[in-house]
Structures are given as structure tokens and as C-alpha cells.
PDB file of N, CA and C in Angstrom:
ATOM      1  N   MET A   1      -4.431 -30.377   6.411  1.00  0.00           N
ATOM      2  CA  MET A   1      -5.141 -29.457   7.258  1.00  0.00           C
ATOM      3  C   MET A   1      -6.080 -30.208   8.204  1.00  0.00           C
ATOM      4  N   PHE A   2      -6.752 -31.199   7.653  1.00  0.00           N
ATOM      5  CA  PHE A   2      -7.713 -31.935   8.465  1.00  0.00           C
ATOM      6  C   PHE A   2      -7.025 -32.631   9.642  1.00  0.00           C
ATOM      7  N   SER A   3      -5.860 -33.232   9.386  1.00  0.00           N
ATOM      8  CA  SER A   3      -5.163 -33.927  10.477  1.00  0.00           C
ATOM      9  C   SER A   3      -4.688 -32.951  11.549  1.00  0.00           C
ATOM     10  N   LEU A   4      -4.268 -31.753  11.150  1.00  0.00           N
ATOM     11  CA  LEU A   4      -3.871 -30.737  12.127  1.00  0.00           C
ATOM     12  C   LEU A   4      -5.076 -30.268  12.940  1.00  0.00           C
ATOM     13  N   PHE A   5      -6.225 -30.179  12.286  1.00  0.00           N
ATOM     14  CA  PHE A   5      -7.438 -29.778  12.995  1.00  0.00           C
ATOM     15  C   PHE A   5      -7.868 -30.845  13.998  1.00  0.00           C
ATOM     16  N   VAL A   6      -7.852 -32.100  13.556  1.00  0.00           N
ATOM     17  CA  VAL A   6      -8.273 -33.201  14.432  1.00  0.00           C
ATOM     18  C   VAL A   6      -7.318 -33.357  15.609  1.00  0.00           C
ATOM     19  N   SER A   7      -6.024 -33.129  15.372  1.00  0.00           N
ATOM     20  CA  SER A   7      -5.051 -33.244  16.456  1.00  0.00           C
ATOM     21  C   SER A   7      -5.030 -31.996  17.349  1.00  0.00           C
ATOM     22  N   GLU A   8      -5.934 -31.049  17.069  1.00  0.00           N
ATOM     23  CA  GLU A   8      -6.101 -29.818  17.844  1.00  0.00           C
ATOM     24  C   GLU A   8      -4.888 -28.897  17.797  1.00  0.00           C
ATOM     25  N   GLU A   9      -4.094 -29.031  16.731  1.00  0.00           N
ATOM     26  CA  GLU A   9      -3.004 -28.076  16.517  1.00  0.00           C
ATOM     27  C   GLU A   9      -3.530 -26.797  15.854  1.00  0.00           C
ATOM     28  N   MET A  10      -4.719 -26.901  15.251  1.00  0.00           N
ATOM     29  CA  MET A  10      -5.422 -25.759  14.658  1.00  0.00           C
ATOM     30  C   MET A  10      -6.835 -25.725  15.214  1.00  0.00           C
ATOM     31  N   ASP A  11      -7.312 -24.516  15.490  1.00  0.00           N
ATOM     32  CA  ASP A  11      -8.681 -24.364  15.983  1.00  0.00           C
ATOM     33  C   ASP A  11      -9.685 -24.243  14.849  1.00  0.00           C
ATOM     34  N   LYS A  12      -9.238 -23.645  13.752  1.00  0.00           N
ATOM     35  CA  LYS A  12     -10.160 -23.306  12.680  1.00  0.00           C
ATOM     36  C   LYS A  12      -9.391 -23.250  11.364  1.00  0.00           C
ATOM     37  N   VAL A  13     -10.061 -23.624  10.285  1.00  0.00           N
ATOM     38  CA  VAL A  13      -9.487 -23.504   8.946  1.00  0.00           C
ATOM     39  C   VAL A  13     -10.430 -22.620   8.148  1.00  0.00           C
ATOM     40  N   GLU A  14      -9.920 -21.479   7.690  1.00  0.00           N
ATOM     41  CA  GLU A  14     -10.735 -20.551   6.924  1.00  0.00           C
ATOM     42  C   GLU A  14     -10.104 -20.328   5.561  1.00  0.00           C
ATOM     43  N   LEU A  15     -10.964 -20.175   4.573  1.00  0.00           N
ATOM     44  CA  LEU A  15     -10.542 -19.890   3.210  1.00  0.00           C
ATOM     45  C   LEU A  15     -10.980 -18.470   2.896  1.00  0.00           C
ATOM     46  N   ILE A  16     -10.022 -17.614   2.584  1.00  0.00           N
ATOM     47  CA  ILE A  16     -10.305 -16.212   2.297  1.00  0.00           C
ATOM     48  C   ILE A  16     -10.016 -15.983   0.820  1.00  0.00           C
ATOM     49  N   TYR A  17     -11.023 -15.483   0.097  1.00  0.00           N
ATOM     50  CA  TYR A  17     -10.842 -15.277  -1.334  1.00  0.00           C
ATOM     51  C   TYR A  17     -11.808 -14.210  -1.833  1.00  0.00           C
ATOM     52  N   THR A  18     -11.626 -13.817  -3.091  1.00  0.00           N
ATOM     53  CA  THR A  18     -12.503 -12.858  -3.737  1.00  0.00           C
ATOM     54  C   THR A  18     -13.429 -13.615  -4.666  1.00  0.00           C
ATOM     55  N   LYS A  19     -14.723 -13.504  -4.438  1.00  0.00           N
ATOM     56  CA  LYS A  19     -15.714 -14.213  -5.254  1.00  0.00           C
ATOM     57  C   LYS A  19     -16.146 -13.342  -6.422  1.00  0.00           C
ATOM     58  N   PHE A  20     -16.078 -13.896  -7.617  1.00  0.00           N
ATOM     59  CA  PHE A  20     -16.517 -13.203  -8.822  1.00  0.00           C
ATOM     60  C   PHE A  20     -18.041 -13.146  -8.833  1.00  0.00           C
ATOM     61  N   VAL A  21     -18.593 -11.939  -8.968  1.00  0.00           N
ATOM     62  CA  VAL A  21     -20.031 -11.758  -9.058  1.00  0.00           C
ATOM     63  C   VAL A  21     -20.402 -11.327 -10.476  1.00  0.00           C
ATOM     64  N   SER A  22     -19.721 -10.304 -10.982  1.00  0.00           N
ATOM     65  CA  SER A  22     -19.925  -9.822 -12.342  1.00  0.00           C
ATOM     66  C   SER A  22     -18.661  -9.081 -12.767  1.00  0.00           C
ATOM     67  N   LEU A  23     -18.674  -8.548 -13.997  1.00  0.00           N
ATOM     68  CA  LEU A  23     -17.493  -7.825 -14.466  1.00  0.00           C
ATOM     69  C   LEU A  23     -17.228  -6.561 -13.666  1.00  0.00           C
ATOM     70  N   ILE A  24     -18.236  -6.047 -12.983  1.00  0.00           N
ATOM     71  CA  ILE A  24     -18.031  -4.813 -12.212  1.00  0.00           C
ATOM     72  C   ILE A  24     -18.150  -5.020 -10.714  1.00  0.00           C
ATOM     73  N   LYS A  25     -18.362  -6.250 -10.281  1.00  0.00           N
ATOM     74  CA  LYS A  25     -18.534  -6.483  -8.842  1.00  0.00           C
ATOM     75  C   LYS A  25     -17.885  -7.794  -8.422  1.00  0.00           C
ATOM     76  N   SER A  26     -17.245  -7.757  -7.277  1.00  0.00           N
ATOM     77  CA  SER A  26     -16.720  -8.965  -6.631  1.00  0.00           C
ATOM     78  C   SER A  26     -16.882  -8.794  -5.131  1.00  0.00           C
ATOM     79  N   ASP A  27     -16.975  -9.909  -4.434  1.00  0.00           N
ATOM     80  CA  ASP A  27     -17.164  -9.885  -2.986  1.00  0.00           C
ATOM     81  C   ASP A  27     -16.002 -10.574  -2.298  1.00  0.00           C
ATOM     82  N   GLN A  28     -15.585 -10.031  -1.169  1.00  0.00           N
ATOM     83  CA  GLN A  28     -14.563 -10.670  -0.364  1.00  0.00           C
ATOM     84  C   GLN A  28     -15.267 -11.679   0.537  1.00  0.00           C
ATOM     85  N   ILE A  29     -14.770 -12.910   0.540  1.00  0.00           N
ATOM     86  CA  ILE A  29     -15.415 -14.002   1.244  1.00  0.00           C
ATOM     87  C   ILE A  29     -14.453 -14.615   2.258  1.00  0.00           C
ATOM     88  N   ILE A  30     -14.953 -14.872   3.446  1.00  0.00           N
ATOM     89  CA  ILE A  30     -14.248 -15.686   4.439  1.00  0.00           C
ATOM     90  C   ILE A  30     -15.129 -16.896   4.675  1.00  0.00           C
ATOM     91  N   HIS A  31     -14.649 -18.051   4.282  1.00  0.00           N
ATOM     92  CA  HIS A  31     -15.439 -19.273   4.399  1.00  0.00           C
ATOM     93  C   HIS A  31     -14.743 -20.226   5.369  1.00  0.00           C
ATOM     94  N   THR A  32     -15.432 -20.582   6.427  1.00  0.00           N
ATOM     95  CA  THR A  32     -14.886 -21.510   7.406  1.00  0.00           C
ATOM     96  C   THR A  32     -15.041 -22.932   6.888  1.00  0.00           C
ATOM     97  N   LEU A  33     -13.906 -23.606   6.660  1.00  0.00           N
ATOM     98  CA  LEU A  33     -13.929 -24.994   6.205  1.00  0.00           C
ATOM     99  C   LEU A  33     -14.044 -25.956   7.377  1.00  0.00           C
ATOM    100  N   LEU A  34     -13.334 -25.674   8.436  1.00  0.00           N
ATOM    101  CA  LEU A  34     -13.370 -26.498   9.644  1.00  0.00           C
ATOM    102  C   LEU A  34     -13.438 -25.575  10.852  1.00  0.00           C
ATOM    103  N   PRO A  35     -14.214 -25.803  11.839  1.00  0.00           N
ATOM    104  CA  PRO A  35     -15.141 -26.917  11.984  1.00  0.00           C
ATOM    105  C   PRO A  35     -16.370 -26.701  11.115  1.00  0.00           C
ATOM    106  N   ILE A  36     -16.916 -27.793  10.592  1.00  0.00           N
ATOM    107  CA  ILE A  36     -18.147 -27.735   9.835  1.00  0.00           C
ATOM    108  C   ILE A  36     -19.279 -27.578  10.832  1.00  0.00           C
ATOM    109  N   SER A  37     -20.055 -26.538  10.656  1.00  0.00           N
ATOM    110  CA  SER A  37     -21.133 -26.299  11.614  1.00  0.00           C
ATOM    111  C   SER A  37     -22.396 -25.885  10.889  1.00  0.00           C
ATOM    112  N   GLU A  38     -23.497 -26.173  11.506  1.00  0.00           N
ATOM    113  CA  GLU A  38     -24.785 -25.713  11.022  1.00  0.00           C
ATOM    114  C   GLU A  38     -25.362 -24.816  12.091  1.00  0.00           C
ATOM    115  N   GLY A  39     -26.215 -23.939  11.697  1.00  0.00           N
ATOM    116  CA  GLY A  39     -26.807 -23.009  12.637  1.00  0.00           C
ATOM    117  C   GLY A  39     -26.930 -21.660  11.992  1.00  0.00           C
ATOM    118  N   CYS A  40     -26.360 -20.619  12.604  1.00  0.00           N
ATOM    119  CA  CYS A  40     -26.450 -19.272  12.066  1.00  0.00           C
ATOM    120  C   CYS A  40     -25.061 -18.694  11.882  1.00  0.00           C
ATOM    121  N   ASP A  41     -24.934 -17.853  10.875  1.00  0.00           N
ATOM    122  CA  ASP A  41     -23.667 -17.166  10.677  1.00  0.00           C
ATOM    123  C   ASP A  41     -23.666 -15.880  11.497  1.00  0.00           C
ATOM    124  N   VAL A  42     -22.643 -15.060  11.309  1.00  0.00           N
ATOM    125  CA  VAL A  42     -22.474 -13.847  12.106  1.00  0.00           C
ATOM    126  C   VAL A  42     -23.650 -12.884  11.925  1.00  0.00           C
ATOM    127  N   SER A  43     -24.203 -12.832  10.708  1.00  0.00           N
ATOM    128  CA  SER A  43     -25.305 -11.910  10.440  1.00  0.00           C
ATOM    129  C   SER A  43     -26.659 -12.448  10.893  1.00  0.00           C
ATOM    130  N   GLY A  44     -26.680 -13.691  11.425  1.00  0.00           N
ATOM    131  CA  GLY A  44     -27.925 -14.284  11.877  1.00  0.00           C
ATOM    132  C   GLY A  44     -28.635 -15.095  10.814  1.00  0.00           C
ATOM    133  N   LYS A  45     -28.049 -15.164   9.618  1.00  0.00           N
ATOM    134  CA  LYS A  45     -28.637 -15.931   8.521  1.00  0.00           C
ATOM    135  C   LYS A  45     -28.449 -17.419   8.795  1.00  0.00           C
ATOM    136  N   SER A  46     -29.481 -18.195   8.546  1.00  0.00           N
ATOM    137  CA  SER A  46     -29.429 -19.639   8.767  1.00  0.00           C
ATOM    138  C   SER A  46     -28.448 -20.284   7.797  1.00  0.00           C
ATOM    139  N   VAL A  47     -27.633 -21.187   8.305  1.00  0.00           N
ATOM    140  CA  VAL A  47     -26.650 -21.891   7.491  1.00  0.00           C
ATOM    141  C   VAL A  47     -27.111 -23.334   7.347  1.00  0.00           C
ATOM    142  N   ASP A  48     -27.332 -23.753   6.114  1.00  0.00           N
ATOM    143  CA  ASP A  48     -27.741 -25.118   5.821  1.00  0.00           C
ATOM    144  C   ASP A  48     -26.687 -25.727   4.909  1.00  0.00           C
ATOM    145  N   ALA A  49     -25.941 -26.691   5.416  1.00  0.00           N
ATOM    146  CA  ALA A  49     -24.831 -27.267   4.658  1.00  0.00           C
ATOM    147  C   ALA A  49     -25.275 -27.850   3.332  1.00  0.00           C
ATOM    148  N   SER A  50     -26.479 -28.387   3.251  1.00  0.00           N
ATOM    149  CA  SER A  50     -26.928 -28.988   1.995  1.00  0.00           C
ATOM    150  C   SER A  50     -27.179 -27.934   0.918  1.00  0.00           C
ATOM    151  N   GLU A  51     -27.425 -26.694   1.319  1.00  0.00           N
ATOM    152  CA  GLU A  51     -27.659 -25.617   0.365  1.00  0.00           C
ATOM    153  C   GLU A  51     -26.393 -24.814   0.065  1.00  0.00           C
ATOM    154  N   ASP A  52     -25.362 -25.000   0.846  1.00  0.00           N
ATOM    155  CA  ASP A  52     -24.119 -24.253   0.692  1.00  0.00           C
ATOM    156  C   ASP A  52     -23.335 -24.805  -0.491  1.00  0.00           C
ATOM    157  N   GLU A  53     -22.944 -23.903  -1.425  1.00  0.00           N
ATOM    158  CA  GLU A  53     -22.256 -24.367  -2.627  1.00  0.00           C
ATOM    159  C   GLU A  53     -20.930 -25.054  -2.315  1.00  0.00           C
ATOM    160  N   PHE A  54     -20.256 -24.678  -1.246  1.00  0.00           N
ATOM    161  CA  PHE A  54     -18.999 -25.326  -0.903  1.00  0.00           C
ATOM    162  C   PHE A  54     -19.226 -26.760  -0.444  1.00  0.00           C
ATOM    163  N   PHE A  55     -20.247 -26.984   0.353  1.00  0.00           N
ATOM    164  CA  PHE A  55     -20.478 -28.318   0.878  1.00  0.00           C
ATOM    165  C   PHE A  55     -21.029 -29.268  -0.168  1.00  0.00           C
ATOM    166  N   ARG A  56     -21.624 -28.746  -1.225  1.00  0.00           N
ATOM    167  CA  ARG A  56     -22.050 -29.620  -2.310  1.00  0.00           C
ATOM    168  C   ARG A  56     -20.848 -30.190  -3.047  1.00  0.00           C
ATOM    169  N   LEU A  57     -19.676 -29.612  -2.831  1.00  0.00           N
ATOM    170  CA  LEU A  57     -18.454 -30.082  -3.492  1.00  0.00           C
ATOM    171  C   LEU A  57     -17.679 -31.088  -2.651  1.00  0.00           C
ATOM    172  N   THR A  58     -18.268 -31.562  -1.571  1.00  0.00           N
ATOM    173  CA  THR A  58     -17.597 -32.538  -0.716  1.00  0.00           C
ATOM    174  C   THR A  58     -17.945 -33.955  -1.165  1.00  0.00           C
ATOM    175  N   THR A  59     -17.220 -34.913  -0.631  1.00  0.00           N
ATOM    176  CA  THR A  59     -17.503 -36.314  -0.933  1.00  0.00           C
ATOM    177  C   THR A  59     -18.723 -36.767  -0.149  1.00  0.00           C
ATOM    178  N   ARG A  60     -19.218 -37.974  -0.437  1.00  0.00           N
ATOM    179  CA  ARG A  60     -20.387 -38.492   0.275  1.00  0.00           C
ATOM    180  C   ARG A  60     -20.132 -38.625   1.765  1.00  0.00           C
ATOM    181  N   GLU A  61     -18.893 -38.893   2.133  1.00  0.00           N
ATOM    182  CA  GLU A  61     -18.550 -39.038   3.550  1.00  0.00           C
ATOM    183  C   GLU A  61     -18.370 -37.687   4.228  1.00  0.00           C
ATOM    184  N   GLY A  62     -18.494 -36.614   3.458  1.00  0.00           N
ATOM    185  CA  GLY A  62     -18.354 -35.282   4.029  1.00  0.00           C
ATOM    186  C   GLY A  62     -16.923 -34.792   4.107  1.00  0.00           C
ATOM    187  N   LYS A  63     -15.999 -35.521   3.469  1.00  0.00           N
ATOM    188  CA  LYS A  63     -14.601 -35.103   3.504  1.00  0.00           C
ATOM    189  C   LYS A  63     -14.400 -33.890   2.600  1.00  0.00           C
ATOM    190  N   LEU A  64     -13.523 -33.010   3.052  1.00  0.00           N
ATOM    191  CA  LEU A  64     -13.207 -31.839   2.252  1.00  0.00           C
ATOM    192  C   LEU A  64     -12.379 -32.269   1.056  1.00  0.00           C
ATOM    193  N   THR A  65     -12.644 -31.663  -0.075  1.00  0.00           N
ATOM    194  CA  THR A  65     -11.906 -31.985  -1.282  1.00  0.00           C
ATOM    195  C   THR A  65     -11.165 -30.756  -1.760  1.00  0.00           C
ATOM    196  N   ASN A  66     -10.119 -30.984  -2.550  1.00  0.00           N
ATOM    197  CA  ASN A  66      -9.360 -29.848  -3.087  1.00  0.00           C
ATOM    198  C   ASN A  66     -10.175 -29.032  -4.078  1.00  0.00           C
ATOM    199  N   SER A  67     -11.324 -29.554  -4.518  1.00  0.00           N
ATOM    200  CA  SER A  67     -12.138 -28.788  -5.457  1.00  0.00           C
ATOM    201  C   SER A  67     -12.639 -27.495  -4.820  1.00  0.00           C
ATOM    202  N   GLN A  68     -12.826 -27.488  -3.515  1.00  0.00           N
ATOM    203  CA  GLN A  68     -13.236 -26.259  -2.827  1.00  0.00           C
ATOM    204  C   GLN A  68     -12.159 -25.191  -2.970  1.00  0.00           C
ATOM    205  N   ILE A  69     -10.937 -25.593  -2.791  1.00  0.00           N
ATOM    206  CA  ILE A  69      -9.824 -24.649  -2.901  1.00  0.00           C
ATOM    207  C   ILE A  69      -9.651 -24.224  -4.350  1.00  0.00           C
ATOM    208  N   LEU A  70      -9.773 -25.183  -5.279  1.00  0.00           N
ATOM    209  CA  LEU A  70      -9.677 -24.862  -6.700  1.00  0.00           C
ATOM    210  C   LEU A  70     -10.762 -23.874  -7.098  1.00  0.00           C
ATOM    211  N   ARG A  71     -11.963 -24.070  -6.619  1.00  0.00           N
ATOM    212  CA  ARG A  71     -13.069 -23.161  -6.928  1.00  0.00           C
ATOM    213  C   ARG A  71     -12.763 -21.754  -6.425  1.00  0.00           C
ATOM    214  N   ALA A  72     -12.221 -21.632  -5.222  1.00  0.00           N
ATOM    215  CA  ALA A  72     -11.883 -20.318  -4.668  1.00  0.00           C
ATOM    216  C   ALA A  72     -10.788 -19.651  -5.499  1.00  0.00           C
ATOM    217  N   VAL A  73      -9.806 -20.433  -5.948  1.00  0.00           N
ATOM    218  CA  VAL A  73      -8.732 -19.885  -6.792  1.00  0.00           C
ATOM    219  C   VAL A  73      -9.316 -19.403  -8.114  1.00  0.00           C
ATOM    220  N   GLN A  74     -10.222 -20.164  -8.705  1.00  0.00           N
ATOM    221  CA  GLN A  74     -10.843 -19.772  -9.967  1.00  0.00           C
ATOM    222  C   GLN A  74     -11.683 -18.508  -9.805  1.00  0.00           C
ATOM    223  N   GLU A  75     -12.434 -18.423  -8.715  1.00  0.00           N
ATOM    224  CA  GLU A  75     -13.232 -17.224  -8.445  1.00  0.00           C
ATOM    225  C   GLU A  75     -12.335 -15.997  -8.294  1.00  0.00           C
ATOM    226  N   SER A  76     -11.235 -16.148  -7.546  1.00  0.00           N
ATOM    227  CA  SER A  76     -10.308 -15.037  -7.340  1.00  0.00           C
ATOM    228  C   SER A  76      -9.654 -14.609  -8.652  1.00  0.00           C
ATOM    229  N   TYR A  77      -9.297 -15.592  -9.467  1.00  0.00           N
ATOM    230  CA  TYR A  77      -8.663 -15.297 -10.757  1.00  0.00           C
ATOM    231  C   TYR A  77      -9.634 -14.552 -11.675  1.00  0.00           C
ATOM    232  N   ALA A  78     -10.891 -15.000 -11.728  1.00  0.00           N
ATOM    233  CA  ALA A  78     -11.897 -14.328 -12.546  1.00  0.00           C
ATOM    234  C   ALA A  78     -12.117 -12.895 -12.066  1.00  0.00           C
ATOM    235  N   SER A  79     -12.135 -12.688 -10.752  1.00  0.00           N
ATOM    236  CA  SER A  79     -12.298 -11.343 -10.198  1.00  0.00           C
ATOM    237  C   SER A  79     -11.118 -10.455 -10.564  1.00  0.00           C
ATOM    238  N   ASP A  80      -9.923 -11.018 -10.505  1.00  0.00           N
ATOM    239  CA  ASP A  80      -8.721 -10.268 -10.859  1.00  0.00           C
ATOM    240  C   ASP A  80      -8.740  -9.869 -12.339  1.00  0.00           C
ATOM    241  N   LEU A  81      -9.100 -10.793 -13.208  1.00  0.00           N
ATOM    242  CA  LEU A  81      -9.159 -10.487 -14.640  1.00  0.00           C
ATOM    243  C   LEU A  81     -10.209  -9.420 -14.933  1.00  0.00           C
ATOM    244  N   ALA A  82     -11.358  -9.496 -14.273  1.00  0.00           N
ATOM    245  CA  ALA A  82     -12.406  -8.491 -14.468  1.00  0.00           C
ATOM    246  C   ALA A  82     -11.905  -7.111 -14.022  1.00  0.00           C
ATOM    247  N   GLY A  83     -11.200  -7.061 -12.908  1.00  0.00           N
ATOM    248  CA  GLY A  83     -10.637  -5.797 -12.438  1.00  0.00           C
ATOM    249  C   GLY A  83      -9.614  -5.227 -13.406  1.00  0.00           C
ATOM    250  N   ARG A  84      -8.802  -6.104 -13.978  1.00  0.00           N
ATOM    251  CA  ARG A  84      -7.809  -5.635 -14.965  1.00  0.00           C
ATOM    252  C   ARG A  84      -8.493  -5.113 -16.222  1.00  0.00           C
ATOM    253  N   MET A  85      -9.557  -5.805 -16.654  1.00  0.00           N
ATOM    254  CA  MET A  85     -10.303  -5.352 -17.831  1.00  0.00           C
ATOM    255  C   MET A  85     -10.903  -3.976 -17.592  1.00  0.00           C
ATOM    256  N   ASN A  86     -11.471  -3.769 -16.415  1.00  0.00           N
ATOM    257  CA  ASN A  86     -12.052  -2.461 -16.083  1.00  0.00           C
ATOM    258  C   ASN A  86     -10.988  -1.379 -16.025  1.00  0.00           C
ATOM    259  N   ALA A  87      -9.849  -1.693 -15.442  1.00  0.00           N
ATOM    260  CA  ALA A  87      -8.766  -0.707 -15.346  1.00  0.00           C
ATOM    261  C   ALA A  87      -8.253  -0.337 -16.738  1.00  0.00           C
ATOM    262  N   THR A  88      -8.109  -1.320 -17.602  1.00  0.00           N
ATOM    263  CA  THR A  88      -7.643  -1.065 -18.966  1.00  0.00           C
ATOM    264  C   THR A  88      -8.655  -0.215 -19.732  1.00  0.00           C
ATOM    265  N   SER A  89      -9.928  -0.538 -19.572  1.00  0.00           N
ATOM    266  CA  SER A  89     -10.982   0.232 -20.232  1.00  0.00           C
ATOM    267  C   SER A  89     -10.990   1.679 -19.752  1.00  0.00           C
ATOM    268  N   ASN A  90     -10.871   1.873 -18.441  1.00  0.00           N
ATOM    269  CA  ASN A  90     -10.835   3.234 -17.885  1.00  0.00           C
ATOM    270  C   ASN A  90      -9.614   4.001 -18.368  1.00  0.00           C
ATOM    271  N   ALA A  91      -8.464   3.334 -18.439  1.00  0.00           N
ATOM    272  CA  ALA A  91      -7.244   3.994 -18.915  1.00  0.00           C
ATOM    273  C   ALA A  91      -7.389   4.399 -20.381  1.00  0.00           C
ATOM    274  N   THR A  92      -8.002   3.549 -21.183  1.00  0.00           N
ATOM    275  CA  THR A  92      -8.225   3.864 -22.596  1.00  0.00           C
ATOM    276  C   THR A  92      -9.155   5.056 -22.739  1.00  0.00           C
ATOM    277  N   ASP A  93     -10.234   5.057 -21.973  1.00  0.00           N
ATOM    278  CA  ASP A  93     -11.171   6.189 -22.009  1.00  0.00           C
ATOM    279  C   ASP A  93     -10.486   7.480 -21.583  1.00  0.00           C
ATOM    280  N   ASN A  94      -9.691   7.423 -20.522  1.00  0.00           N
ATOM    281  CA  ASN A  94      -8.974   8.615 -20.044  1.00  0.00           C
ATOM    282  C   ASN A  94      -7.968   9.103 -21.070  1.00  0.00           C
ATOM    283  N   ALA A  95      -7.289   8.197 -21.734  1.00  0.00           N
ATOM    284  CA  ALA A  95      -6.320   8.592 -22.763  1.00  0.00           C
ATOM    285  C   ALA A  95      -7.032   9.276 -23.927  1.00  0.00           C
ATOM    286  N   GLY A  96      -8.219   8.787 -24.277  1.00  0.00           N
ATOM    287  CA  GLY A  96      -9.003   9.432 -25.333  1.00  0.00           C
ATOM    288  C   GLY A  96      -9.400  10.842 -24.960  1.00  0.00           C
ATOM    289  N   GLU A  97      -9.794  11.034 -23.697  1.00  0.00           N
ATOM    290  CA  GLU A  97     -10.146  12.384 -23.223  1.00  0.00           C
ATOM    291  C   GLU A  97      -8.935  13.306 -23.250  1.00  0.00           C
ATOM    292  N   LEU A  98      -7.785  12.817 -22.835  1.00  0.00           N
ATOM    293  CA  LEU A  98      -6.561  13.631 -22.869  1.00  0.00           C
ATOM    294  C   LEU A  98      -6.217  14.031 -24.299  1.00  0.00           C
ATOM    295  N   LYS A  99      -6.371  13.106 -25.214  1.00  0.00           N
ATOM    296  CA  LYS A  99      -6.065  13.385 -26.620  1.00  0.00           C
ATOM    297  C   LYS A  99      -6.980  14.485 -27.146  1.00  0.00           C
ATOM    298  N   LYS A 100      -8.279  14.429 -26.800  1.00  0.00           N
ATOM    299  CA  LYS A 100      -9.216  15.473 -27.224  1.00  0.00           C
ATOM    300  C   LYS A 100      -8.797  16.829 -26.668  1.00  0.00           C
ATOM    301  N   ASN A 101      -8.422  16.843 -25.370  1.00  0.00           N
ATOM    302  CA  ASN A 101      -8.040  18.103 -24.722  1.00  0.00           C
ATOM    303  C   ASN A 101      -6.785  18.699 -25.341  1.00  0.00           C
ATOM    304  N   PHE A 102      -5.822  17.857 -25.680  1.00  0.00           N
ATOM    305  CA  PHE A 102      -4.578  18.359 -26.286  1.00  0.00           C
ATOM    306  C   PHE A 102      -4.806  18.832 -27.708  1.00  0.00           C
ATOM    307  N   ASN A 103      -5.710  18.223 -28.430  1.00  0.00           N
ATOM    308  CA  ASN A 103      -6.015  18.635 -29.799  1.00  0.00           C
ATOM    309  C   ASN A 103      -6.736  19.968 -29.837  1.00  0.00           C
ATOM    310  N   CYS A 104      -7.451  20.273 -28.767  1.00  0.00           N
ATOM    311  CA  CYS A 104      -8.185  21.534 -28.674  1.00  0.00           C
ATOM    312  C   CYS A 104      -7.256  22.700 -28.395  1.00  0.00           C
ATOM    313  N   LEU A 105      -6.067  22.452 -27.864  1.00  0.00           N
ATOM    314  CA  LEU A 105      -5.155  23.544 -27.515  1.00  0.00           C
ATOM    315  C   LEU A 105      -4.472  23.997 -28.738  1.00  0.00           C
TER     316      LEU A 105
END
């Protein structure tokens, strides 16, 4: 990806994933990997690369590492598992309610 970016065959490299927040919440994230920039994001919030969790995963030379992509995959997987757990729990609760209703008839 980096060589395609440097050769100007790509304008931007973005990583889109679902970030795990908790068992009941996840956030959709669009993270620009290239070009690396400091300044403000779309919402006007200051962007400081040294405080950004993705940039702390880079090498000393600032090269992008596959750990960033691995982290995004892990976050997405955790979010997916949490969603499945919630769906299973809701289905179990609904089945219990149906059973009560049928027993009452």
C-alpha cells in the first residue's frame, strides 16, 4: 500500500472497521492511514499523532506496521462476537416469553 501511495497510484489509504467499546456498544471507525497528517479532523478535534493509539503502534521510523490492521481485525471480531451474544440472549428471552404465553392458553 505504501509503495502505491508514494507512486501516486493511490491518493489515500483508509481503514474502515468496527471498534469494540463494550458488550452493548461498538463504533464504526474510518481511520486514515495515509497520508499521515496532524492538525484537525472533520469534527474540528485536534489530532496529535503521539496520542493516537494507531500511531503508537508504528515503528520508530514511523513506518506503518501490520499490527494496525491486526488490531482493527481484532476490534471488529470482538464487536461481532458481542453482537452475536446479545442476539442470542434476546432470542432466549423471547423464547421464554413465548413459552409462558403458550402455557397460559
